[in-house]
Structures are given as structure tokens and as C-alpha cells.
Amino acid sequence: MSLLGRILQELLYGSPSEGAYGDGHRCVSLWPGDSMIVLDVVHDEIQFVEILHRDSLS
């Protein structure tokens, strides 16, 4: 697995965005241990999750 594959995992909830999310969008950053989780939230619903600096989930 590539270096990028080892440090980045992504989870998509809902339909993919065709550009910026627009009004009602906010990013929420969480720091569990040595990892970082970034949530893209639109109108109080999670749309996309990025898990950075984490060992592979596979």
C-alpha cells in the first residue's frame, strides 16, 4: 500500500459534492491520539469523513 493509503482513509456519506458544499457547511476536527479526523457537516448531517495519520484499516 502506498504511503498516502497508509495515512489517509476517507468515508463518504450521502451523495458526492460537485464542488463546494455551500451554505450550511462546517468542518469539525477531532484529535483522538496521534490521528486526526475531519468531518464535513452540512445542515447538521455528516457528509464526508477524513481520517489522517492512521494505520491502514485493511
PDB file of N, CA and C in Angstrom:
ATOM      1  N   MET A   1       0.854  -1.188   0.000  1.00  0.00           N
ATOM      2  CA  MET A   1       0.000   0.000   0.000  1.00  0.00           C
ATOM      3  C   MET A   1       0.890   1.238   0.000  1.00  0.00           C
ATOM      4  N   SER A   2       0.480   2.262  -0.726  1.00  0.00           N
ATOM      5  CA  SER A   2       1.256   3.491  -0.816  1.00  0.00           C
ATOM      6  C   SER A   2       1.259   4.234   0.520  1.00  0.00           C
ATOM      7  N   LEU A   3       2.195   5.161   0.647  1.00  0.00           N
ATOM      8  CA  LEU A   3       2.271   5.988   1.852  1.00  0.00           C
ATOM      9  C   LEU A   3       0.957   6.727   2.060  1.00  0.00           C
ATOM     10  N   LEU A   4       0.396   7.301   0.989  1.00  0.00           N
ATOM     11  CA  LEU A   4      -0.875   8.023   1.112  1.00  0.00           C
ATOM     12  C   LEU A   4      -1.970   7.088   1.602  1.00  0.00           C
ATOM     13  N   GLY A   5      -2.010   5.864   1.099  1.00  0.00           N
ATOM     14  CA  GLY A   5      -3.010   4.899   1.537  1.00  0.00           C
ATOM     15  C   GLY A   5      -2.882   4.544   2.999  1.00  0.00           C
ATOM     16  N   ARG A   6      -1.672   4.617   3.538  1.00  0.00           N
ATOM     17  CA  ARG A   6      -1.461   4.293   4.953  1.00  0.00           C
ATOM     18  C   ARG A   6      -1.845   5.440   5.870  1.00  0.00           C
ATOM     19  N   ILE A   7      -1.773   6.686   5.392  1.00  0.00           N
ATOM     20  CA  ILE A   7      -2.027   7.812   6.296  1.00  0.00           C
ATOM     21  C   ILE A   7      -3.385   8.469   6.090  1.00  0.00           C
ATOM     22  N   LEU A   8      -4.132   8.089   5.048  1.00  0.00           N
ATOM     23  CA  LEU A   8      -5.402   8.745   4.782  1.00  0.00           C
ATOM     24  C   LEU A   8      -6.478   7.709   4.497  1.00  0.00           C
ATOM     25  N   GLN A   9      -7.563   7.791   5.187  1.00  0.00           N
ATOM     26  CA  GLN A   9      -8.734   6.968   4.935  1.00  0.00           C
ATOM     27  C   GLN A   9      -9.907   7.925   4.780  1.00  0.00           C
ATOM     28  N   GLU A  10     -10.810   7.637   3.862  1.00  0.00           N
ATOM     29  CA  GLU A  10     -11.952   8.512   3.616  1.00  0.00           C
ATOM     30  C   GLU A  10     -13.246   7.715   3.641  1.00  0.00           C
ATOM     31  N   LEU A  11     -14.280   8.319   4.167  1.00  0.00           N
ATOM     32  CA  LEU A  11     -15.609   7.711   4.219  1.00  0.00           C
ATOM     33  C   LEU A  11     -16.603   8.728   3.690  1.00  0.00           C
ATOM     34  N   LEU A  12     -17.399   8.344   2.697  1.00  0.00           N
ATOM     35  CA  LEU A  12     -18.382   9.248   2.113  1.00  0.00           C
ATOM     36  C   LEU A  12     -19.767   8.848   2.583  1.00  0.00           C
ATOM     37  N   TYR A  13     -20.505   9.806   3.087  1.00  0.00           N
ATOM     38  CA  TYR A  13     -21.900   9.602   3.494  1.00  0.00           C
ATOM     39  C   TYR A  13     -22.742  10.500   2.602  1.00  0.00           C
ATOM     40  N   GLY A  14     -23.761   9.979   1.995  1.00  0.00           N
ATOM     41  CA  GLY A  14     -24.593  10.792   1.115  1.00  0.00           C
ATOM     42  C   GLY A  14     -23.987  10.887  -0.271  1.00  0.00           C
ATOM     43  N   SER A  15     -24.527  11.774  -1.077  1.00  0.00           N
ATOM     44  CA  SER A  15     -24.079  11.951  -2.455  1.00  0.00           C
ATOM     45  C   SER A  15     -22.803  12.775  -2.511  1.00  0.00           C
ATOM     46  N   PRO A  16     -21.902  12.459  -3.454  1.00  0.00           N
ATOM     47  CA  PRO A  16     -20.688  13.268  -3.586  1.00  0.00           C
ATOM     48  C   PRO A  16     -21.021  14.707  -3.976  1.00  0.00           C
ATOM     49  N   SER A  17     -20.251  15.631  -3.470  1.00  0.00           N
ATOM     50  CA  SER A  17     -20.438  17.045  -3.785  1.00  0.00           C
ATOM     51  C   SER A  17     -19.829  17.341  -5.153  1.00  0.00           C
ATOM     52  N   GLU A  18     -20.485  18.180  -5.935  1.00  0.00           N
ATOM     53  CA  GLU A  18     -19.940  18.629  -7.213  1.00  0.00           C
ATOM     54  C   GLU A  18     -19.329  20.007  -7.047  1.00  0.00           C
ATOM     55  N   GLY A  19     -18.443  20.156  -6.115  1.00  0.00           N
ATOM     56  CA  GLY A  19     -17.819  21.435  -5.804  1.00  0.00           C
ATOM     57  C   GLY A  19     -17.987  21.722  -4.319  1.00  0.00           C
ATOM     58  N   ALA A  20     -18.005  22.993  -3.975  1.00  0.00           N
ATOM     59  CA  ALA A  20     -18.148  23.394  -2.577  1.00  0.00           C
ATOM     60  C   ALA A  20     -19.524  23.001  -2.042  1.00  0.00           C
ATOM     61  N   TYR A  21     -19.579  22.687  -0.745  1.00  0.00           N
ATOM     62  CA  TYR A  21     -20.853  22.315  -0.126  1.00  0.00           C
ATOM     63  C   TYR A  21     -21.815  23.497  -0.022  1.00  0.00           C
ATOM     64  N   GLY A  22     -21.293  24.714   0.091  1.00  0.00           N
ATOM     65  CA  GLY A  22     -22.146  25.902   0.148  1.00  0.00           C
ATOM     66  C   GLY A  22     -22.643  26.216   1.550  1.00  0.00           C
ATOM     67  N   ASP A  23     -23.776  26.930   1.616  1.00  0.00           N
ATOM     68  CA  ASP A  23     -24.337  27.344   2.906  1.00  0.00           C
ATOM     69  C   ASP A  23     -24.662  26.126   3.760  1.00  0.00           C
ATOM     70  N   GLY A  24     -24.484  26.278   5.052  1.00  0.00           N
ATOM     71  CA  GLY A  24     -24.789  25.197   5.980  1.00  0.00           C
ATOM     72  C   GLY A  24     -23.643  24.237   6.195  1.00  0.00           C
ATOM     73  N   HIS A  25     -22.466  24.493   5.551  1.00  0.00           N
ATOM     74  CA  HIS A  25     -21.309  23.616   5.683  1.00  0.00           C
ATOM     75  C   HIS A  25     -20.391  24.078   6.809  1.00  0.00           C
ATOM     76  N   ARG A  26     -19.865  23.109   7.540  1.00  0.00           N
ATOM     77  CA  ARG A  26     -18.826  23.401   8.528  1.00  0.00           C
ATOM     78  C   ARG A  26     -17.917  22.190   8.638  1.00  0.00           C
ATOM     79  N   CYS A  27     -16.679  22.434   9.027  1.00  0.00           N
ATOM     80  CA  CYS A  27     -15.714  21.360   9.269  1.00  0.00           C
ATOM     81  C   CYS A  27     -15.547  21.198  10.771  1.00  0.00           C
ATOM     82  N   VAL A  28     -15.534  19.947  11.209  1.00  0.00           N
ATOM     83  CA  VAL A  28     -15.309  19.637  12.620  1.00  0.00           C
ATOM     84  C   VAL A  28     -14.058  18.782  12.690  1.00  0.00           C
ATOM     85  N   SER A  29     -13.042  19.225  13.437  1.00  0.00           N
ATOM     86  CA  SER A  29     -11.788  18.484  13.589  1.00  0.00           C
ATOM     87  C   SER A  29     -11.750  17.810  14.948  1.00  0.00           C
ATOM     88  N   LEU A  30     -11.379  16.537  14.951  1.00  0.00           N
ATOM     89  CA  LEU A  30     -11.244  15.759  16.178  1.00  0.00           C
ATOM     90  C   LEU A  30      -9.822  15.215  16.229  1.00  0.00           C
ATOM     91  N   TRP A  31      -9.255  15.111  17.419  1.00  0.00           N
ATOM     92  CA  TRP A  31      -7.873  14.672  17.584  1.00  0.00           C
ATOM     93  C   TRP A  31      -7.781  13.482  18.547  1.00  0.00           C
ATOM     94  N   PRO A  32      -8.179  12.277  18.129  1.00  0.00           N
ATOM     95  CA  PRO A  32      -8.045  11.113  19.005  1.00  0.00           C
ATOM     96  C   PRO A  32      -6.625  10.543  18.941  1.00  0.00           C
ATOM     97  N   GLY A  33      -5.854  10.725  19.971  1.00  0.00           N
ATOM     98  CA  GLY A  33      -4.479  10.207  19.985  1.00  0.00           C
ATOM     99  C   GLY A  33      -3.609  10.894  18.952  1.00  0.00           C
ATOM    100  N   ASP A  34      -2.880  10.098  18.145  1.00  0.00           N
ATOM    101  CA  ASP A  34      -1.976  10.637  17.131  1.00  0.00           C
ATOM    102  C   ASP A  34      -2.677  10.875  15.791  1.00  0.00           C
ATOM    103  N   SER A  35      -3.946  10.547  15.683  1.00  0.00           N
ATOM    104  CA  SER A  35      -4.688  10.702  14.440  1.00  0.00           C
ATOM    105  C   SER A  35      -5.444  12.025  14.424  1.00  0.00           C
ATOM    106  N   MET A  36      -6.012  12.342  13.262  1.00  0.00           N
ATOM    107  CA  MET A  36      -6.892  13.495  13.132  1.00  0.00           C
ATOM    108  C   MET A  36      -8.088  13.061  12.299  1.00  0.00           C
ATOM    109  N   ILE A  37      -9.270  13.422  12.731  1.00  0.00           N
ATOM    110  CA  ILE A  37     -10.494  13.122  11.995  1.00  0.00           C
ATOM    111  C   ILE A  37     -11.144  14.452  11.634  1.00  0.00           C
ATOM    112  N   VAL A  38     -11.463  14.618  10.340  1.00  0.00           N
ATOM    113  CA  VAL A  38     -12.114  15.838   9.870  1.00  0.00           C
ATOM    114  C   VAL A  38     -13.495  15.451   9.335  1.00  0.00           C
ATOM    115  N   LEU A  39     -14.525  16.063   9.904  1.00  0.00           N
ATOM    116  CA  LEU A  39     -15.899  15.814   9.467  1.00  0.00           C
ATOM    117  C   LEU A  39     -16.385  16.996   8.645  1.00  0.00           C
ATOM    118  N   ASP A  40     -16.913  16.738   7.446  1.00  0.00           N
ATOM    119  CA  ASP A  40     -17.626  17.762   6.684  1.00  0.00           C
ATOM    120  C   ASP A  40     -19.094  17.594   7.029  1.00  0.00           C
ATOM    121  N   VAL A  41     -19.659  18.616   7.662  1.00  0.00           N
ATOM    122  CA  VAL A  41     -21.046  18.573   8.130  1.00  0.00           C
ATOM    123  C   VAL A  41     -21.850  19.613   7.358  1.00  0.00           C
ATOM    124  N   VAL A  42     -22.984  19.181   6.781  1.00  0.00           N
ATOM    125  CA  VAL A  42     -23.860  20.077   6.035  1.00  0.00           C
ATOM    126  C   VAL A  42     -25.260  19.974   6.634  1.00  0.00           C
ATOM    127  N   HIS A  43     -25.760  21.111   7.116  1.00  0.00           N
ATOM    128  CA  HIS A  43     -27.085  21.164   7.751  1.00  0.00           C
ATOM    129  C   HIS A  43     -27.217  20.072   8.817  1.00  0.00           C
ATOM    130  N   ASP A  44     -26.190  19.983   9.677  1.00  0.00           N
ATOM    131  CA  ASP A  44     -26.145  19.069  10.825  1.00  0.00           C
ATOM    132  C   ASP A  44     -26.123  17.584  10.457  1.00  0.00           C
ATOM    133  N   GLU A  45     -25.756  17.253   9.218  1.00  0.00           N
ATOM    134  CA  GLU A  45     -25.587  15.861   8.812  1.00  0.00           C
ATOM    135  C   GLU A  45     -24.181  15.657   8.267  1.00  0.00           C
ATOM    136  N   ILE A  46     -23.504  14.608   8.731  1.00  0.00           N
ATOM    137  CA  ILE A  46     -22.156  14.294   8.265  1.00  0.00           C
ATOM    138  C   ILE A  46     -22.233  13.851   6.811  1.00  0.00           C
ATOM    139  N   GLN A  47     -21.412  14.489   5.953  1.00  0.00           N
ATOM    140  CA  GLN A  47     -21.357  14.148   4.536  1.00  0.00           C
ATOM    141  C   GLN A  47     -20.072  13.405   4.168  1.00  0.00           C
ATOM    142  N   PHE A  48     -18.965  13.741   4.838  1.00  0.00           N
ATOM    143  CA  PHE A  48     -17.678  13.179   4.471  1.00  0.00           C
ATOM    144  C   PHE A  48     -16.785  13.130   5.702  1.00  0.00           C
ATOM    145  N   VAL A  49     -16.010  12.050   5.835  1.00  0.00           N
ATOM    146  CA  VAL A  49     -15.097  11.879   6.957  1.00  0.00           C
ATOM    147  C   VAL A  49     -13.713  11.571   6.408  1.00  0.00           C
ATOM    148  N   GLU A  50     -12.712  12.299   6.857  1.00  0.00           N
ATOM    149  CA  GLU A  50     -11.321  12.021   6.525  1.00  0.00           C
ATOM    150  C   GLU A  50     -10.596  11.607   7.803  1.00  0.00           C
ATOM    151  N   ILE A  51      -9.869  10.506   7.730  1.00  0.00           N
ATOM    152  CA  ILE A  51      -9.079  10.040   8.866  1.00  0.00           C
ATOM    153  C   ILE A  51      -7.620  10.152   8.447  1.00  0.00           C
ATOM    154  N   LEU A  52      -6.884  11.054   9.090  1.00  0.00           N
ATOM    155  CA  LEU A  52      -5.500  11.354   8.724  1.00  0.00           C
ATOM    156  C   LEU A  52      -4.526  10.759   9.738  1.00  0.00           C
ATOM    157  N   HIS A  53      -3.372  10.362   9.239  1.00  0.00           N
ATOM    158  CA  HIS A  53      -2.263   9.869  10.078  1.00  0.00           C
ATOM    159  C   HIS A  53      -2.688   8.665  10.918  1.00  0.00           C
ATOM    160  N   ARG A  54      -3.254   7.687  10.258  1.00  0.00           N
ATOM    161  CA  ARG A  54      -3.699   6.464  10.921  1.00  0.00           C
ATOM    162  C   ARG A  54      -3.199   5.267  10.121  1.00  0.00           C
ATOM    163  N   ASP A  55      -2.916   4.176  10.817  1.00  0.00           N
ATOM    164  CA  ASP A  55      -2.525   2.958  10.132  1.00  0.00           C
ATOM    165  C   ASP A  55      -3.669   2.494   9.242  1.00  0.00           C
ATOM    166  N   SER A  56      -3.361   1.707   8.233  1.00  0.00           N
ATOM    167  CA  SER A  56      -4.362   1.207   7.303  1.00  0.00           C
ATOM    168  C   SER A  56      -5.471   0.462   8.036  1.00  0.00           C
ATOM    169  N   LEU A  57      -6.709   0.624   7.557  1.00  0.00           N
ATOM    170  CA  LEU A  57      -7.844  -0.069   8.141  1.00  0.00           C
ATOM    171  C   LEU A  57      -8.033  -1.463   7.533  1.00  0.00           C
ATOM    172  N   SER A  58      -7.306  -1.771   6.462  1.00  0.00           N
ATOM    173  CA  SER A  58      -7.465  -3.086   5.824  1.00  0.00           C
ATOM    174  C   SER A  58      -6.508  -4.107   6.388  1.00  0.00           C
TER     175      SER A  58
END
